[in-house]
Structure formats: C-alpha cells, structure tokens
Amino acid sequence: MVALGLVLVVVGVLVLLAGIFTTGDAGDASILGIHLGSTAVFLLGVFSGVAILWGLGILRFGGKRQLKQRKEKRHLQRMAAKLEEMERGEHKDSGEQL
C-alpha cells in the first residue's frame, strides 16, 4: 500500500511539473512529444492533483495499517514469551513433585 501511494504521488508530481515547465505563453504544452492544448493541460493538472491526493491517502492508510500490524506482532510475541515462561515453570514444578 505504501509503495502504491508513493508511486501515485511521484507520478502526479512529475506530470504536474512537466506540465508547468513545458507550457508556453498561449497555454499549449508539449509533454513527452505530444502536443496538448490548454484544455488538455488543465485536465492533466486536475488528474495529477487527484493522483497526488489519492496517493497521500493511500500512504496514510498504509502507514496506519503497518503500524497496527507491528503493534499486534509485538503483542503476540510478548504473549508467546509469557506462555513459554509459564510452561517452563509448570514443567519445573511437575518435575519437583515426582
């Protein structure tokens, strides 16, 4: 999820910057050898902005999810260590009673 979010943000920023720096005085642009009119440049900017916002949302969601998974993993490791410690204690107690 985080990787997809980063890709969307980077692609959106690159397209936005390409549109900004290749636009002429009349609003026309040539991006990747394709001549675009002013309406196409506007729509490209809108779609780039949407991609950036969507990418940031995915990054945020993915980051929260990873953090939750790490916390859960740490909790499970602590519980497993406690269980193992208790089992060792029971084996020692049962060995002493024999």
Foldseek 3Di string as FASTA:
>chain_A
DLVQLVVLQVVLVVQLVQLVVQQDPQQWGQDPNRTGHNVVSVVSNVVSVVSNVVSVVVNVVVVVVVVVVVVVVVVVVVVVVVVVVVVVVVVVVVVVVD
